[in-house]
C-alpha cells in the first residue's frame, strides 16, 4: 500500500516542482519490478489518479492478482479480491497517512529535491526513501518521467515504468466510489 501512496506522492512532486498546477488527473499503465530480500517480483497495473487524494489501481499481472482493485478516496480505501469475491473497506492506516502528509510537505517545498532543467531528478523523503526520475517525455504538453526508481537507503526497492500515460483526460468520479 505504501508504494501506491508513494506513486500518488510522485505525481504531486511533478505538480509542485515543475509548476504543473494544471495536472488534475493522470491515467497510466505501470510495470513495476520490486526487490525485497533479494526476491524479485514483477507486476503491472492500470493506475488512475485524480488530484489531490483519489487513486485507483487495477492489477493486470501476475495472473493470480488479475482483477484486484485498490481504491483510495480521501481517508478511506477499498480493496477488492476477485479470487475471494470479497472487498474490504477501511481507513487508510497510519503509515499511509504519514505519506499523504508528506505530499503536503512536498507541495510546500519542504522536502529535498534535485532539479535539472526544471525537471525533478531526485526526491529525498527524509526517512531513507529516495526517488529517482528518468527518461522524461512530453505527454499532453507536460514533461513526465517514463521511469522511476525507489530506493530504501542504498538499496533499489522498486522500478516503475509508465506507459500509455494520459494527463488531464476526463476521469469519472464513479471509479473512486467506495461502497
Foldseek 3Di string as FASTA:
>chain_A
DLVVLVVLLVVLLLCQLLVVVVFFKKWWKKWKWFADPNDIDIWIWIWIDGPDWWIKIATPDDPLRHGWIWITDPQKIKTAGVVVRDMDIDGDDPSSVVSSVLSVCSNVVNWDFDDDPSDTQKTDSPQQKIKGFDDWDQAPNGTDGQWMWIDRNPHTGMIMGIDPMHTPDDDDCVSNDDD
